[in-house]
Each structure stands twice: as C-alpha cells, then as structure tokens.
C-alpha cells in the first residue's frame, strides 16, 4: 500500500469512528425523547380522566367560569 492510500484509509477510519459516536449520541437523545413522550401521553390520559364528560353539567362557556367580581 502506498502512503496516500494509507493516509486515506486512516482518515476514513477516523471519520467512521466519529460517525459511530455521533449515532450513539443521537440514539441516546431519541431514547430520552421517547421516554418524555411516553410520560406526557400518560399525563394527558390522566388529565382527560379528570375532565368532566361533555353533557354532564360542566361549564360550557368560559364566561361561566369568571370569578364573581367580574
């Protein structure tokens, strides 16, 4: 192998190593984001359970929820 080929091969190996590190970092970011999404979905589900069902006498107009001093 000549020196130029050796240098190019070394540079490609370095780039491949950096790419592997980058892919691992991105994988960790995606994993954490999925955990956050799952937690938010659970929270929204719990909030929906706390909301009154439509037609059960809940406030229908935001003006109905104004404090008495308005």
N, C-alpha and C. Protein backbone atom coordinates (compact mmCIF):
# COMPACT_ATOMS: atom_id res chain seq x y z
N UNK A 1 0.84 -1.17 0.00
CA UNK A 1 0.00 0.00 0.00
C UNK A 1 0.89 1.24 0.00
N UNK A 2 0.56 2.18 -0.81
CA UNK A 2 1.37 3.40 -0.83
C UNK A 2 0.92 4.35 0.28
N UNK A 3 1.67 5.41 0.51
CA UNK A 3 1.43 6.33 1.61
C UNK A 3 0.09 7.06 1.46
N UNK A 4 -0.27 7.41 0.23
CA UNK A 4 -1.53 8.12 0.01
C UNK A 4 -2.73 7.24 0.37
N UNK A 5 -2.68 6.01 -0.05
CA UNK A 5 -3.75 5.07 0.27
C UNK A 5 -3.83 4.85 1.78
N UNK A 6 -2.71 4.73 2.41
CA UNK A 6 -2.66 4.54 3.87
C UNK A 6 -3.27 5.74 4.58
N UNK A 7 -2.94 6.95 4.12
CA UNK A 7 -3.48 8.16 4.72
C UNK A 7 -4.99 8.25 4.53
N UNK A 8 -5.45 7.94 3.33
CA UNK A 8 -6.89 7.99 3.06
C UNK A 8 -7.64 6.97 3.90
N UNK A 9 -7.07 5.77 4.06
CA UNK A 9 -7.69 4.74 4.87
C UNK A 9 -7.77 5.18 6.33
N UNK A 10 -6.70 5.79 6.83
CA UNK A 10 -6.70 6.28 8.21
C UNK A 10 -7.76 7.35 8.40
N UNK A 11 -7.87 8.27 7.45
CA UNK A 11 -8.89 9.32 7.54
C UNK A 11 -10.30 8.74 7.52
N UNK A 12 -10.52 7.73 6.69
CA UNK A 12 -11.84 7.08 6.65
C UNK A 12 -12.15 6.38 7.96
N UNK A 13 -11.16 5.76 8.56
CA UNK A 13 -11.37 5.09 9.85
C UNK A 13 -11.70 6.11 10.93
N UNK A 14 -11.04 7.26 10.90
CA UNK A 14 -11.33 8.31 11.88
C UNK A 14 -12.75 8.82 11.68
N UNK A 15 -13.14 9.08 10.44
CA UNK A 15 -14.50 9.54 10.16
C UNK A 15 -15.53 8.52 10.60
N UNK A 16 -15.26 7.25 10.34
CA UNK A 16 -16.19 6.19 10.75
C UNK A 16 -16.33 6.16 12.26
N UNK A 17 -15.23 6.35 12.96
CA UNK A 17 -15.28 6.36 14.42
C UNK A 17 -16.12 7.53 14.93
N UNK A 18 -15.91 8.72 14.37
CA UNK A 18 -16.71 9.88 14.76
C UNK A 18 -18.19 9.65 14.45
N UNK A 19 -18.48 9.04 13.31
CA UNK A 19 -19.86 8.77 12.94
C UNK A 19 -20.51 7.79 13.91
N UNK A 20 -19.77 6.78 14.34
CA UNK A 20 -20.31 5.82 15.31
C UNK A 20 -20.63 6.52 16.62
N UNK A 21 -19.75 7.42 17.07
CA UNK A 21 -20.01 8.17 18.30
C UNK A 21 -21.25 9.06 18.14
N UNK A 22 -21.36 9.72 17.00
CA UNK A 22 -22.50 10.59 16.75
C UNK A 22 -23.81 9.80 16.73
N UNK A 23 -23.81 8.65 16.08
CA UNK A 23 -25.01 7.81 16.03
C UNK A 23 -25.40 7.38 17.44
N UNK A 24 -24.44 7.04 18.27
CA UNK A 24 -24.74 6.64 19.65
C UNK A 24 -25.33 7.80 20.44
N UNK A 25 -24.78 8.99 20.27
CA UNK A 25 -25.32 10.17 20.95
C UNK A 25 -26.74 10.45 20.50
N UNK A 26 -26.99 10.37 19.20
CA UNK A 26 -28.33 10.60 18.68
C UNK A 26 -29.30 9.54 19.18
N UNK A 27 -28.83 8.31 19.28
CA UNK A 27 -29.67 7.24 19.80
C UNK A 27 -30.09 7.53 21.24
N UNK A 28 -29.17 8.04 22.04
CA UNK A 28 -29.50 8.38 23.42
C UNK A 28 -30.51 9.53 23.48
N UNK A 29 -30.36 10.50 22.60
CA UNK A 29 -31.31 11.62 22.56
C UNK A 29 -32.70 11.11 22.19
N UNK A 30 -32.78 10.27 21.19
CA UNK A 30 -34.07 9.72 20.77
C UNK A 30 -34.69 8.89 21.90
N UNK A 31 -33.88 8.12 22.60
CA UNK A 31 -34.37 7.31 23.71
C UNK A 31 -34.96 8.19 24.81
N UNK A 32 -34.24 9.27 25.18
CA UNK A 32 -34.74 10.17 26.22
C UNK A 32 -36.01 10.89 25.76
N UNK A 33 -36.05 11.29 24.50
CA UNK A 33 -37.25 11.95 23.98
C UNK A 33 -38.45 11.00 24.00
N UNK A 34 -38.23 9.74 23.68
CA UNK A 34 -39.33 8.78 23.71
C UNK A 34 -39.83 8.59 25.14
N UNK A 35 -38.92 8.58 26.10
CA UNK A 35 -39.34 8.48 27.49
C UNK A 35 -40.19 9.69 27.88
N UNK A 36 -39.77 10.88 27.45
CA UNK A 36 -40.54 12.09 27.75
C UNK A 36 -41.91 12.04 27.07
N UNK A 37 -41.95 11.59 25.84
CA UNK A 37 -43.24 11.48 25.12
C UNK A 37 -44.15 10.50 25.84
N UNK A 38 -43.63 9.37 26.27
CA UNK A 38 -44.45 8.39 26.98
C UNK A 38 -45.00 8.98 28.27
N UNK A 39 -44.16 9.72 29.01
CA UNK A 39 -44.61 10.35 30.25
C UNK A 39 -45.70 11.38 29.97
N UNK A 40 -45.54 12.16 28.91
CA UNK A 40 -46.55 13.17 28.56
C UNK A 40 -47.87 12.52 28.13
N UNK A 41 -47.78 11.43 27.41
CA UNK A 41 -49.01 10.72 27.00
C UNK A 41 -49.75 10.22 28.23
N UNK A 42 -49.01 9.67 29.20
CA UNK A 42 -49.66 9.21 30.44
C UNK A 42 -50.30 10.37 31.18
N UNK A 43 -49.60 11.51 31.22
CA UNK A 43 -50.13 12.67 31.92
C UNK A 43 -51.40 13.20 31.24
N UNK A 44 -51.41 13.26 29.92
CA UNK A 44 -52.60 13.72 29.19
C UNK A 44 -53.75 12.75 29.43
N UNK A 45 -53.46 11.47 29.45
CA UNK A 45 -54.52 10.48 29.71
C UNK A 45 -55.12 10.69 31.10
N UNK A 46 -54.27 10.95 32.08
CA UNK A 46 -54.77 11.19 33.44
C UNK A 46 -55.59 12.47 33.50
N UNK A 47 -55.14 13.50 32.80
CA UNK A 47 -55.90 14.76 32.78
C UNK A 47 -57.25 14.58 32.11
N UNK A 48 -57.29 13.78 31.06
CA UNK A 48 -58.58 13.54 30.38
C UNK A 48 -59.55 12.82 31.30
N UNK A 49 -59.03 11.94 32.15
CA UNK A 49 -59.89 11.24 33.09
C UNK A 49 -60.47 12.20 34.13
N UNK A 50 -59.76 13.28 34.42
CA UNK A 50 -60.21 14.23 35.43
C UNK A 50 -61.22 15.23 34.86
N UNK A 51 -61.26 15.36 33.54
CA UNK A 51 -62.18 16.32 32.93
C UNK A 51 -63.60 15.79 33.00
N UNK A 52 -64.57 16.70 33.20
CA UNK A 52 -65.97 16.25 33.17
C UNK A 52 -66.36 15.86 31.76
N UNK A 53 -67.21 14.89 31.68
CA UNK A 53 -67.70 14.44 30.38
C UNK A 53 -68.60 15.51 29.77
N UNK A 54 -68.58 15.66 28.46
CA UNK A 54 -69.49 16.63 27.84
C UNK A 54 -70.95 16.24 28.11
N UNK A 55 -71.75 17.24 28.42
CA UNK A 55 -73.17 16.99 28.66
C UNK A 55 -73.49 16.58 30.08
N UNK A 56 -72.51 16.62 30.99
CA UNK A 56 -72.78 16.22 32.38
C UNK A 56 -72.93 17.44 33.29
N UNK A 57 -73.18 18.59 32.70
CA UNK A 57 -73.40 19.78 33.52
C UNK A 57 -72.14 20.57 33.77
N UNK A 58 -71.07 20.24 33.13
CA UNK A 58 -69.84 21.01 33.29
C UNK A 58 -69.98 22.36 32.63
N UNK A 59 -69.11 23.28 32.99
CA UNK A 59 -69.16 24.62 32.41
C UNK A 59 -68.95 24.53 30.90
N UNK A 60 -69.85 25.16 30.16
CA UNK A 60 -69.76 25.10 28.71
C UNK A 60 -69.17 26.37 28.12
N UNK A 61 -69.31 27.47 28.85
CA UNK A 61 -68.85 28.76 28.35
C UNK A 61 -67.77 29.27 29.29
N UNK A 62 -66.62 29.69 28.77
CA UNK A 62 -65.57 30.20 29.66
C UNK A 62 -66.03 31.38 30.50
N UNK A 63 -67.02 32.15 30.03
CA UNK A 63 -67.53 33.27 30.83
C UNK A 63 -68.24 32.77 32.08
N UNK A 64 -68.74 31.53 32.04
CA UNK A 64 -69.40 30.96 33.22
C UNK A 64 -68.39 30.69 34.33
N UNK A 65 -67.11 30.63 33.99
CA UNK A 65 -66.08 30.32 34.96
C UNK A 65 -65.43 31.57 35.55
N UNK A 66 -65.89 32.78 35.14
CA UNK A 66 -65.32 34.00 35.66
C UNK A 66 -65.63 34.15 37.14
N UNK A 67 -64.71 34.71 37.91
CA UNK A 67 -64.99 34.96 39.32
C UNK A 67 -66.13 35.95 39.48
N UNK A 68 -66.79 35.97 40.63
CA UNK A 68 -67.98 36.82 40.81
C UNK A 68 -67.71 38.31 40.69
N UNK A 69 -66.52 38.79 40.90
CA UNK A 69 -66.26 40.23 40.87
C UNK A 69 -66.18 40.79 39.46
N UNK A 70 -66.36 39.98 38.42
CA UNK A 70 -66.36 40.50 37.04
C UNK A 70 -67.73 40.86 36.61
